[in-house]
Amino acid sequence: MGREGDCLVDFDDTDRAYCSCYDFHFRVLSGSVPSCYHLLAARLARAESKFETISFADEEFEGFLRALVSDIASNLRTKNRKISSSS
């Protein structure tokens, strides 16, 4: 759970990783930082066996993606409002 709400984190034992947070989209993907704190926390939780895996059926995937895109869009709108109001 981040400051702006829940984030989706997905990673494996390779270098592939994803987080739905603002920091990942704008700083990690641009190469400014190597990882967001959500991925760091998820990797630590995995190393200490303190995590929960959520699985769902193929039929649920469309609804999941819709919710994910909606959440990302909402987070971006919130960030844009904060940036606009501080200018």
C-alpha atoms as a PDB file:
ATOM      1  CA  MET A   1       0.000   0.000   0.000  1.00  0.00           C
ATOM      2  CA  GLY A   2       1.477   3.304  -1.043  1.00  0.00           C
ATOM      3  CA  ARG A   3       0.777   6.889  -0.059  1.00  0.00           C
ATOM      4  CA  GLU A   4      -1.651   7.208  -2.976  1.00  0.00           C
ATOM      5  CA  GLY A   5      -3.396   3.838  -2.447  1.00  0.00           C
ATOM      6  CA  ASP A   6      -2.736   0.259  -3.484  1.00  0.00           C
ATOM      7  CA  CYS A   7      -0.174  -0.539  -6.153  1.00  0.00           C
ATOM      8  CA  LEU A   8       0.099  -3.612  -8.316  1.00  0.00           C
ATOM      9  CA  VAL A   9       3.561  -5.135  -8.124  1.00  0.00           C
ATOM     10  CA  ASP A  10       4.698  -7.951 -10.401  1.00  0.00           C
ATOM     11  CA  PHE A  11       8.196  -9.376 -10.627  1.00  0.00           C
ATOM     12  CA  ASP A  12      10.058 -12.627 -11.064  1.00  0.00           C
ATOM     13  CA  ASP A  13      13.610 -13.848 -10.481  1.00  0.00           C
ATOM     14  CA  THR A  14      14.877 -12.060 -13.588  1.00  0.00           C
ATOM     15  CA  ASP A  15      15.228  -8.310 -14.068  1.00  0.00           C
ATOM     16  CA  ARG A  16      11.623  -8.013 -15.264  1.00  0.00           C
ATOM     17  CA  ALA A  17       9.431  -6.092 -12.848  1.00  0.00           C
ATOM     18  CA  TYR A  18       6.353  -3.868 -12.882  1.00  0.00           C
ATOM     19  CA  CYS A  19       4.674  -1.545 -10.411  1.00  0.00           C
ATOM     20  CA  SER A  20       1.608   0.590 -11.071  1.00  0.00           C
ATOM     21  CA  CYS A  21       2.930   3.508  -9.013  1.00  0.00           C
ATOM     22  CA  TYR A  22       3.809   6.945 -10.356  1.00  0.00           C
ATOM     23  CA  ASP A  23       7.473   6.564  -9.395  1.00  0.00           C
ATOM     24  CA  PHE A  24       7.847   3.384 -11.463  1.00  0.00           C
ATOM     25  CA  HIS A  25       6.258   4.922 -14.564  1.00  0.00           C
ATOM     26  CA  PHE A  26       8.173   8.179 -14.492  1.00  0.00           C
ATOM     27  CA  ARG A  27      11.463   7.482 -12.718  1.00  0.00           C
ATOM     28  CA  VAL A  28      12.203   3.759 -13.006  1.00  0.00           C
ATOM     29  CA  LEU A  29      11.205   3.400 -16.666  1.00  0.00           C
ATOM     30  CA  SER A  30      13.205   6.525 -17.571  1.00  0.00           C
ATOM     31  CA  GLY A  31      16.263   5.093 -15.821  1.00  0.00           C
ATOM     32  CA  SER A  32      16.443   7.811 -13.154  1.00  0.00           C
ATOM     33  CA  VAL A  33      16.241   5.263 -10.328  1.00  0.00           C
ATOM     34  CA  PRO A  34      16.681   1.476 -10.361  1.00  0.00           C
ATOM     35  CA  SER A  35      13.482   0.601  -8.474  1.00  0.00           C
ATOM     36  CA  CYS A  36      10.492   2.042  -6.634  1.00  0.00           C
ATOM     37  CA  TYR A  37      10.027   1.353  -2.947  1.00  0.00           C
ATOM     38  CA  HIS A  38       7.031  -0.912  -3.672  1.00  0.00           C
ATOM     39  CA  LEU A  39       9.258  -3.321  -5.629  1.00  0.00           C
ATOM     40  CA  LEU A  40      11.938  -3.144  -2.944  1.00  0.00           C
ATOM     41  CA  ALA A  41       9.340  -3.936  -0.266  1.00  0.00           C
ATOM     42  CA  ALA A  42       7.861  -6.775  -2.344  1.00  0.00           C
ATOM     43  CA  ARG A  43      11.279  -8.339  -2.888  1.00  0.00           C
ATOM     44  CA  LEU A  44      12.046  -8.061   0.828  1.00  0.00           C
ATOM     45  CA  ALA A  45       8.672  -9.614   1.718  1.00  0.00           C
ATOM     46  CA  ARG A  46       9.344 -12.460  -0.711  1.00  0.00           C
ATOM     47  CA  ALA A  47      12.821 -13.051   0.719  1.00  0.00           C
ATOM     48  CA  GLU A  48      11.300 -13.237   4.212  1.00  0.00           C
ATOM     49  CA  SER A  49       8.244 -15.277   3.082  1.00  0.00           C
ATOM     50  CA  LYS A  50       5.899 -12.498   4.233  1.00  0.00           C
ATOM     51  CA  PHE A  51       3.728 -12.034   1.160  1.00  0.00           C
ATOM     52  CA  GLU A  52       0.401 -13.055  -0.308  1.00  0.00           C
ATOM     53  CA  THR A  53      -0.050 -14.196  -3.901  1.00  0.00           C
ATOM     54  CA  ILE A  54      -3.324 -13.327  -5.593  1.00  0.00           C
ATOM     55  CA  SER A  55      -4.343 -15.597  -8.455  1.00  0.00           C
ATOM     56  CA  PHE A  56      -7.366 -15.342 -10.689  1.00  0.00           C
ATOM     57  CA  ALA A  57      -8.945 -17.227 -13.572  1.00  0.00           C
ATOM     58  CA  ASP A  58      -8.531 -16.211 -17.215  1.00  0.00           C
ATOM     59  CA  GLU A  59     -12.149 -15.005 -17.274  1.00  0.00           C
ATOM     60  CA  GLU A  60     -11.312 -12.448 -14.585  1.00  0.00           C
ATOM     61  CA  PHE A  61      -8.343 -10.983 -16.475  1.00  0.00           C
ATOM     62  CA  GLU A  62     -10.323  -8.372 -18.462  1.00  0.00           C
ATOM     63  CA  GLY A  63     -11.927  -6.968 -15.313  1.00  0.00           C
ATOM     64  CA  PHE A  64      -8.561  -6.945 -13.594  1.00  0.00           C
ATOM     65  CA  LEU A  65      -6.945  -4.997 -16.449  1.00  0.00           C
ATOM     66  CA  ARG A  66      -9.820  -2.505 -16.536  1.00  0.00           C
ATOM     67  CA  ALA A  67      -9.438  -1.888 -12.792  1.00  0.00           C
ATOM     68  CA  LEU A  68      -5.666  -1.575 -13.153  1.00  0.00           C
ATOM     69  CA  VAL A  69      -5.885   0.968 -15.989  1.00  0.00           C
ATOM     70  CA  SER A  70      -8.522   2.918 -14.062  1.00  0.00           C
ATOM     71  CA  ASP A  71      -6.295   2.974 -10.971  1.00  0.00           C
ATOM     72  CA  ILE A  72      -3.260   4.126 -12.952  1.00  0.00           C
ATOM     73  CA  ALA A  73      -5.294   6.878 -14.650  1.00  0.00           C
ATOM     74  CA  SER A  74      -6.659   8.014 -11.289  1.00  0.00           C
ATOM     75  CA  ASN A  75      -3.163   8.154  -9.780  1.00  0.00           C
ATOM     76  CA  LEU A  76      -1.904  10.187 -12.740  1.00  0.00           C
ATOM     77  CA  ARG A  77      -4.814  12.640 -12.486  1.00  0.00           C
ATOM     78  CA  THR A  78      -4.113  13.073  -8.768  1.00  0.00           C
ATOM     79  CA  LYS A  79      -0.422  13.712  -9.419  1.00  0.00           C
ATOM     80  CA  ASN A  80      -1.228  16.179 -12.225  1.00  0.00           C
ATOM     81  CA  ARG A  81      -3.598  18.113  -9.942  1.00  0.00           C
ATOM     82  CA  LYS A  82      -0.913  18.295  -7.245  1.00  0.00           C
ATOM     83  CA  ILE A  83       1.669  19.501  -9.754  1.00  0.00           C
ATOM     84  CA  SER A  84      -0.732  22.088 -11.205  1.00  0.00           C
ATOM     85  CA  SER A  85      -1.747  23.431  -7.799  1.00  0.00           C
ATOM     86  CA  SER A  86       1.861  23.821  -6.638  1.00  0.00           C
ATOM     87  CA  SER A  87       2.866  25.832  -9.729  1.00  0.00           C
END
